[in-house]
N, C-alpha and C. Protein backbone atom coordinates (compact mmCIF):
# COMPACT_ATOMS: atom_id res chain seq x y z
N MET A 1 -148.87 23.06 199.09
CA MET A 1 -148.46 24.41 198.77
C MET A 1 -147.93 25.08 200.04
N MET A 2 -146.75 25.67 199.92
CA MET A 2 -146.16 26.35 201.07
C MET A 2 -146.66 27.79 201.13
N ARG A 3 -146.86 28.26 202.33
CA ARG A 3 -147.32 29.64 202.49
C ARG A 3 -146.53 30.29 203.61
N GLY A 4 -146.51 31.61 203.58
CA GLY A 4 -145.96 32.38 204.68
C GLY A 4 -144.46 32.23 204.85
N GLU A 5 -144.08 32.16 206.11
CA GLU A 5 -142.67 32.14 206.49
C GLU A 5 -141.89 30.97 205.89
N GLU A 6 -142.46 29.79 205.91
CA GLU A 6 -141.77 28.61 205.39
C GLU A 6 -141.51 28.73 203.89
N GLY A 7 -142.49 29.24 203.15
CA GLY A 7 -142.32 29.41 201.71
C GLY A 7 -141.22 30.39 201.36
N TRP A 8 -141.20 31.52 202.06
CA TRP A 8 -140.17 32.52 201.78
C TRP A 8 -138.79 32.02 202.17
N ARG A 9 -138.73 31.22 203.23
CA ARG A 9 -137.44 30.66 203.65
C ARG A 9 -136.91 29.72 202.57
N MET A 10 -137.78 28.90 202.01
CA MET A 10 -137.36 27.98 200.95
C MET A 10 -136.91 28.74 199.70
N ILE A 11 -137.62 29.80 199.35
CA ILE A 11 -137.24 30.60 198.19
C ILE A 11 -135.89 31.26 198.43
N THR A 12 -135.68 31.79 199.63
CA THR A 12 -134.41 32.43 199.95
C THR A 12 -133.27 31.42 199.88
N ILE A 13 -133.48 30.24 200.40
CA ILE A 13 -132.45 29.19 200.36
C ILE A 13 -132.16 28.80 198.91
N ALA A 14 -133.19 28.60 198.10
CA ALA A 14 -133.00 28.21 196.70
C ALA A 14 -132.25 29.30 195.93
N THR A 15 -132.64 30.54 196.12
CA THR A 15 -131.98 31.65 195.44
C THR A 15 -130.52 31.76 195.85
N THR A 16 -130.26 31.64 197.14
CA THR A 16 -128.89 31.71 197.65
C THR A 16 -128.04 30.59 197.08
N LEU A 17 -128.57 29.37 197.05
CA LEU A 17 -127.81 28.25 196.50
C LEU A 17 -127.52 28.42 195.02
N ILE A 18 -128.47 28.93 194.26
CA ILE A 18 -128.25 29.17 192.83
C ILE A 18 -127.15 30.20 192.64
N ILE A 19 -127.19 31.28 193.39
CA ILE A 19 -126.19 32.33 193.26
C ILE A 19 -124.80 31.81 193.64
N ILE A 20 -124.71 31.08 194.75
CA ILE A 20 -123.42 30.52 195.18
C ILE A 20 -122.89 29.56 194.12
N PHE A 21 -123.75 28.70 193.59
CA PHE A 21 -123.35 27.74 192.57
C PHE A 21 -122.82 28.45 191.33
N LEU A 22 -123.52 29.48 190.86
CA LEU A 22 -123.08 30.21 189.67
C LEU A 22 -121.77 30.95 189.90
N VAL A 23 -121.59 31.52 191.08
CA VAL A 23 -120.34 32.23 191.39
C VAL A 23 -119.17 31.25 191.42
N ILE A 24 -119.37 30.08 192.03
CA ILE A 24 -118.30 29.08 192.08
C ILE A 24 -117.92 28.62 190.67
N ILE A 25 -118.92 28.37 189.84
CA ILE A 25 -118.65 27.94 188.46
C ILE A 25 -117.92 29.04 187.68
N LEU A 26 -118.36 30.28 187.83
CA LEU A 26 -117.72 31.38 187.13
C LEU A 26 -116.27 31.56 187.57
N ILE A 27 -116.01 31.50 188.87
CA ILE A 27 -114.64 31.62 189.37
C ILE A 27 -113.78 30.48 188.84
N GLY A 28 -114.32 29.26 188.86
CA GLY A 28 -113.58 28.12 188.33
C GLY A 28 -113.25 28.27 186.86
N THR A 29 -114.21 28.75 186.09
CA THR A 29 -113.97 28.97 184.66
C THR A 29 -112.90 30.01 184.43
N LEU A 30 -112.95 31.09 185.16
CA LEU A 30 -111.95 32.14 185.00
C LEU A 30 -110.57 31.67 185.45
N MET A 31 -110.50 30.83 186.47
CA MET A 31 -109.21 30.29 186.91
C MET A 31 -108.62 29.38 185.84
N VAL A 32 -109.45 28.54 185.23
CA VAL A 32 -108.97 27.65 184.18
C VAL A 32 -108.57 28.45 182.95
N ALA A 33 -109.34 29.46 182.59
CA ALA A 33 -109.03 30.28 181.42
C ALA A 33 -107.74 31.05 181.62
N GLY A 34 -107.42 31.41 182.84
CA GLY A 34 -106.20 32.18 183.12
C GLY A 34 -104.95 31.34 183.14
N LYS A 35 -105.05 30.01 183.16
CA LYS A 35 -103.89 29.14 183.26
C LYS A 35 -103.49 28.51 181.93
N SER A 36 -103.82 29.13 180.84
CA SER A 36 -103.49 28.55 179.54
C SER A 36 -102.15 29.09 179.05
N ASP A 37 -101.59 28.38 178.08
CA ASP A 37 -100.34 28.84 177.48
C ASP A 37 -100.63 30.03 176.56
N PRO A 38 -99.62 30.83 176.21
CA PRO A 38 -99.85 32.06 175.44
C PRO A 38 -100.55 31.85 174.09
N GLY A 39 -100.22 30.81 173.37
CA GLY A 39 -100.85 30.56 172.08
C GLY A 39 -102.30 30.12 172.21
N TYR A 40 -102.58 29.43 173.27
CA TYR A 40 -103.95 28.94 173.49
C TYR A 40 -104.87 30.05 173.97
N GLY A 41 -104.32 31.09 174.57
CA GLY A 41 -105.12 32.18 175.12
C GLY A 41 -106.01 32.84 174.09
N LYS A 42 -105.50 33.05 172.89
CA LYS A 42 -106.29 33.69 171.84
C LYS A 42 -107.44 32.78 171.40
N LYS A 43 -107.17 31.50 171.30
CA LYS A 43 -108.21 30.55 170.90
C LYS A 43 -109.26 30.39 171.99
N ALA A 44 -108.81 30.42 173.23
CA ALA A 44 -109.71 30.19 174.36
C ALA A 44 -110.60 31.39 174.66
N LYS A 45 -110.24 32.56 174.12
CA LYS A 45 -111.03 33.74 174.40
C LYS A 45 -112.47 33.57 173.90
N ASN A 46 -112.64 33.04 172.71
CA ASN A 46 -113.98 32.81 172.19
C ASN A 46 -114.75 31.81 173.05
N THR A 47 -114.07 30.79 173.50
CA THR A 47 -114.71 29.80 174.36
C THR A 47 -115.12 30.42 175.68
N THR A 48 -114.27 31.25 176.25
CA THR A 48 -114.58 31.90 177.51
C THR A 48 -115.77 32.84 177.36
N VAL A 49 -115.84 33.55 176.25
CA VAL A 49 -116.98 34.44 176.00
C VAL A 49 -118.26 33.62 175.86
N THR A 50 -118.18 32.50 175.17
CA THR A 50 -119.35 31.64 174.99
C THR A 50 -119.82 31.08 176.33
N ILE A 51 -118.89 30.61 177.13
CA ILE A 51 -119.25 30.06 178.44
C ILE A 51 -119.84 31.15 179.33
N SER A 52 -119.28 32.34 179.29
CA SER A 52 -119.81 33.45 180.08
C SER A 52 -121.23 33.80 179.64
N ALA A 53 -121.49 33.76 178.34
CA ALA A 53 -122.83 34.03 177.84
C ALA A 53 -123.81 32.94 178.32
N ILE A 54 -123.35 31.71 178.35
CA ILE A 54 -124.19 30.62 178.85
C ILE A 54 -124.51 30.84 180.33
N TYR A 55 -123.50 31.23 181.12
CA TYR A 55 -123.73 31.50 182.53
C TYR A 55 -124.73 32.64 182.72
N LEU A 56 -124.61 33.66 181.91
CA LEU A 56 -125.54 34.79 181.99
C LEU A 56 -126.96 34.32 181.69
N LEU A 57 -127.11 33.51 180.65
CA LEU A 57 -128.42 32.99 180.28
C LEU A 57 -129.00 32.11 181.40
N VAL A 58 -128.17 31.24 181.97
CA VAL A 58 -128.63 30.37 183.05
C VAL A 58 -129.03 31.20 184.27
N THR A 59 -128.28 32.26 184.56
CA THR A 59 -128.62 33.14 185.68
C THR A 59 -129.96 33.80 185.45
N VAL A 60 -130.18 34.32 184.26
CA VAL A 60 -131.45 34.98 183.94
C VAL A 60 -132.60 33.98 184.04
N LEU A 61 -132.40 32.78 183.51
CA LEU A 61 -133.45 31.76 183.57
C LEU A 61 -133.73 31.32 185.01
N ALA A 62 -132.69 31.22 185.82
CA ALA A 62 -132.88 30.83 187.22
C ALA A 62 -133.67 31.89 187.97
N VAL A 63 -133.31 33.15 187.77
CA VAL A 63 -134.03 34.24 188.43
C VAL A 63 -135.47 34.29 187.92
N ALA A 64 -135.67 34.11 186.63
CA ALA A 64 -137.02 34.10 186.07
C ALA A 64 -137.83 32.93 186.64
N GLY A 65 -137.19 31.79 186.78
CA GLY A 65 -137.88 30.63 187.35
C GLY A 65 -138.31 30.88 188.78
N ILE A 66 -137.44 31.50 189.55
CA ILE A 66 -137.79 31.83 190.94
C ILE A 66 -138.92 32.85 190.95
N ALA A 67 -138.87 33.83 190.06
CA ALA A 67 -139.93 34.85 190.01
C ALA A 67 -141.27 34.22 189.65
N VAL A 68 -141.27 33.30 188.69
CA VAL A 68 -142.51 32.62 188.31
C VAL A 68 -143.02 31.78 189.48
N TYR A 69 -142.12 31.10 190.15
CA TYR A 69 -142.49 30.28 191.31
C TYR A 69 -143.13 31.17 192.41
N VAL A 70 -142.50 32.29 192.69
CA VAL A 70 -143.02 33.19 193.71
C VAL A 70 -144.38 33.75 193.28
N TYR A 71 -144.52 34.06 192.02
CA TYR A 71 -145.78 34.62 191.52
C TYR A 71 -146.94 33.64 191.69
N PHE A 72 -146.67 32.36 191.47
CA PHE A 72 -147.74 31.36 191.52
C PHE A 72 -147.93 30.71 192.89
N ILE A 73 -147.21 31.17 193.90
CA ILE A 73 -147.40 30.62 195.26
C ILE A 73 -148.73 31.06 195.78
C-alpha cells in the first residue's frame, strides 16, 4: 500500500494520463467527424453524439475510479 507523497504522485500521474488520453481521443474524433462529405455529415451526427456520450461516461467512470482508489488508500 502506498502512502504519503509517493501515493499522491502516482494518483496525480494516473489522473493526468487519463485526462490527456481522453482529450487526444476527443480531438481525433472531432477531426474525423469534420472531414466527412456533405451527405455523410447528417448520418454521422448521431454517431458523433453517441461517441461523445461514451467519452463522457468513460470520463465519469475514470474520475469515480480514482476517487474510490483515493478513498481506500
